[in-house]
Amino acid sequence: MDIFELLKKDHESVLSLFDELEQMEQKESRKKSSRQDKVFNQLKQEIEAHTQGEEELLYPQLQEDEDLHPMILEAVEEHHVAKMLLGELGGMPEKNEQWSAKLTVLRENIEHHIDMEEGELFVGAQEIMESKQRKELGDRMAEFKEEHMAASK
C-alpha cells in the first residue's frame, strides 16, 4: 500500500477514536469507565506506532529536501507534544476536568498535524518520491506498525 494512503487511514482511525472518547465523555459519569480506558489505550498505541513509524521510516526520506525540512522539524515537535500529553493523560488516576482539557488539546494538536501532513507535506513528498518507493515504504510502515502494536499489548 502507498505510504500516504496508509498514513491517511491512520489519521482517520485516530480521529474516530477521539470521537468515540468524546461521546463517552458526554454520556458517562465523571469516573473513567473500563471502556474509556480501553479506547484511550488504543488511541495511545495508534498514535505512538504512527509517530514512531513516521520518524523512523518516512521523515528520513524527506528531510534533505529544503522545502520539506522545516515541515519535518515541526512534525517531530508536534509528535513530542502528543507523546507528552498521552503520558500525562495515561498517568491521571481519575477522569476530571483537567483530563478532558488535556484530551481536547491533544486532539487539536493532532488535527493540526494531520492538516499540515495531508496538505503541504504529503504533496511535496509525493513530488520527490516515486510510486515504487512509496509502496515499499508503505509496506515497511504497515509491518512496523503491526510489530509495534503486538509488542505494546
Protein backbone atom coordinates (compact mmCIF):
# COMPACT_ATOMS: atom_id res chain seq x y z
CA MET A 1 0.00 0.00 0.00
CA ASP A 2 1.18 3.52 -0.74
CA ILE A 3 2.66 5.15 2.39
CA PHE A 4 0.44 8.20 2.05
CA GLU A 5 -2.74 6.14 1.75
CA LEU A 6 -1.70 4.17 4.84
CA LEU A 7 -0.98 7.31 6.85
CA LYS A 8 -4.31 8.86 5.84
CA LYS A 9 -6.09 5.70 7.05
CA ASP A 10 -4.19 6.02 10.34
CA HIS A 11 -5.33 9.62 10.64
CA GLU A 12 -8.96 8.61 10.10
CA SER A 13 -8.65 5.86 12.70
CA VAL A 14 -7.17 8.21 15.30
CA LEU A 15 -9.85 10.86 14.72
CA SER A 16 -12.52 8.18 15.05
CA LEU A 17 -11.07 7.15 18.42
CA PHE A 18 -11.14 10.78 19.56
CA ASP A 19 -14.81 10.97 18.52
CA GLU A 20 -15.56 7.82 20.49
CA LEU A 21 -13.84 9.18 23.61
CA GLU A 22 -15.67 12.50 23.32
CA GLN A 23 -19.02 10.74 23.02
CA MET A 24 -18.22 8.76 26.17
CA GLU A 25 -17.24 11.99 27.92
CA GLN A 26 -20.70 13.40 27.28
CA LYS A 27 -22.63 10.27 28.24
CA GLU A 28 -20.78 8.83 31.19
CA SER A 29 -20.18 9.92 34.74
CA ARG A 30 -17.12 11.73 36.00
CA LYS A 31 -15.30 8.46 36.65
CA LYS A 32 -13.38 6.77 33.86
CA SER A 33 -15.00 3.56 32.72
CA SER A 34 -13.09 0.47 31.66
CA ARG A 35 -14.39 1.10 28.11
CA GLN A 36 -12.90 4.60 28.15
CA ASP A 37 -9.60 3.19 29.38
CA LYS A 38 -9.65 0.65 26.56
CA VAL A 39 -10.38 3.27 23.88
CA PHE A 40 -7.77 5.66 25.31
CA ASN A 41 -5.15 2.89 25.37
CA GLN A 42 -5.97 2.04 21.75
CA LEU A 43 -5.63 5.74 20.83
CA LYS A 44 -2.30 5.90 22.63
CA GLN A 45 -0.96 2.80 20.87
CA GLU A 46 -2.12 4.06 17.47
CA ILE A 47 -0.51 7.47 17.93
CA GLU A 48 2.73 6.03 19.30
CA ALA A 49 3.10 3.50 16.47
CA HIS A 50 2.22 6.10 13.85
CA THR A 51 4.57 8.79 15.12
CA GLN A 52 7.48 6.42 15.65
CA GLY A 53 6.99 4.93 12.20
CA GLU A 54 6.95 8.35 10.58
CA GLU A 55 10.07 9.41 12.44
CA GLU A 56 12.00 6.25 11.65
CA LEU A 57 10.78 5.46 8.14
CA LEU A 58 9.21 8.42 6.33
CA TYR A 59 10.85 11.56 7.64
CA PRO A 60 14.45 10.42 6.99
CA GLN A 61 13.46 10.01 3.32
CA LEU A 62 12.26 13.62 3.16
CA GLN A 63 14.39 15.71 5.48
CA GLU A 64 17.08 16.53 2.91
CA ASP A 65 14.57 18.37 0.74
CA GLU A 66 14.94 22.06 1.64
CA ASP A 67 11.21 22.78 1.18
CA LEU A 68 10.11 19.84 3.34
CA HIS A 69 12.78 20.11 6.04
CA PRO A 70 11.02 22.84 8.09
CA MET A 71 7.77 20.83 7.98
CA ILE A 72 9.60 17.71 9.18
CA LEU A 73 11.04 19.66 12.12
CA GLU A 74 7.57 20.95 13.01
CA ALA A 75 6.05 17.47 12.67
CA VAL A 76 8.62 15.97 15.03
CA GLU A 77 7.85 18.67 17.62
CA GLU A 78 4.12 18.00 17.26
CA HIS A 79 4.86 14.32 17.87
CA HIS A 80 6.77 15.29 21.00
CA VAL A 81 3.84 17.31 22.34
CA ALA A 82 1.41 14.49 21.55
CA LYS A 83 3.58 11.91 23.35
CA MET A 84 3.92 14.21 26.36
CA LEU A 85 0.14 14.72 26.58
CA LEU A 86 -0.52 10.99 26.13
CA GLY A 87 1.84 10.26 29.01
CA GLU A 88 0.14 12.82 31.23
CA LEU A 89 -3.34 11.56 30.33
CA GLY A 90 -2.35 7.95 30.90
CA GLY A 91 -0.91 8.80 34.30
CA MET A 92 -4.02 10.52 35.65
CA PRO A 93 -5.82 8.17 38.06
CA GLU A 94 -9.29 9.68 37.68
CA LYS A 95 -11.05 11.41 34.85
CA ASN A 96 -11.58 15.05 35.73
CA GLU A 97 -11.83 18.47 34.10
CA GLN A 98 -8.07 18.55 33.57
CA TRP A 99 -8.18 15.16 31.82
CA SER A 100 -10.88 16.42 29.47
CA ALA A 101 -8.97 19.63 28.76
CA LYS A 102 -5.76 17.73 28.01
CA LEU A 103 -7.65 15.39 25.69
CA THR A 104 -9.03 18.43 23.83
CA VAL A 105 -5.55 19.95 23.49
CA LEU A 106 -4.19 16.60 22.27
CA ARG A 107 -6.91 16.38 19.63
CA GLU A 108 -6.26 19.95 18.47
CA ASN A 109 -2.54 19.19 18.18
CA ILE A 110 -3.23 16.01 16.21
CA GLU A 111 -5.73 17.75 13.91
CA HIS A 112 -3.21 20.50 13.14
CA HIS A 113 -0.58 17.85 12.47
CA ILE A 114 -2.90 15.97 10.11
CA ASP A 115 -3.81 19.15 8.22
CA MET A 116 -0.14 20.02 7.72
CA GLU A 117 0.84 16.50 6.73
CA GLU A 118 -2.01 15.77 4.36
CA GLY A 119 -1.62 19.21 2.85
CA GLU A 120 1.82 20.56 2.18
CA LEU A 121 3.97 17.69 3.42
CA PHE A 122 2.33 14.82 1.53
CA VAL A 123 2.01 16.89 -1.65
CA GLY A 124 5.70 17.81 -1.54
CA ALA A 125 6.74 14.29 -0.65
CA GLN A 126 4.75 12.76 -3.50
CA GLU A 127 6.60 15.02 -5.89
CA ILE A 128 10.00 13.69 -4.84
CA MET A 129 9.13 10.02 -4.22
CA GLU A 130 8.44 7.53 -6.99
CA SER A 131 5.41 5.25 -6.84
CA LYS A 132 7.53 2.15 -6.20
CA GLN A 133 9.33 3.86 -3.31
CA ARG A 134 6.01 4.97 -1.80
CA LYS A 135 4.64 1.42 -1.98
CA GLU A 136 7.79 -0.13 -0.45
CA LEU A 137 7.73 2.44 2.33
CA GLY A 138 4.03 1.78 2.92
CA ASP A 139 4.71 -1.96 3.23
CA ARG A 140 7.54 -1.31 5.69
CA MET A 141 5.32 1.05 7.69
CA ALA A 142 2.48 -1.50 7.86
CA GLU A 143 4.92 -4.14 9.10
CA PHE A 144 6.46 -1.70 11.59
CA LYS A 145 3.06 -0.76 13.00
CA GLU A 146 1.97 -4.37 13.26
CA GLU A 147 5.11 -5.25 15.24
CA HIS A 148 4.77 -2.17 17.45
CA MET A 149 1.10 -2.86 18.22
CA ALA A 150 1.82 -6.52 19.04
CA ALA A 151 4.70 -5.56 21.33
CA SER A 152 2.65 -2.97 23.22
CA LYS A 153 -0.18 -5.37 24.14
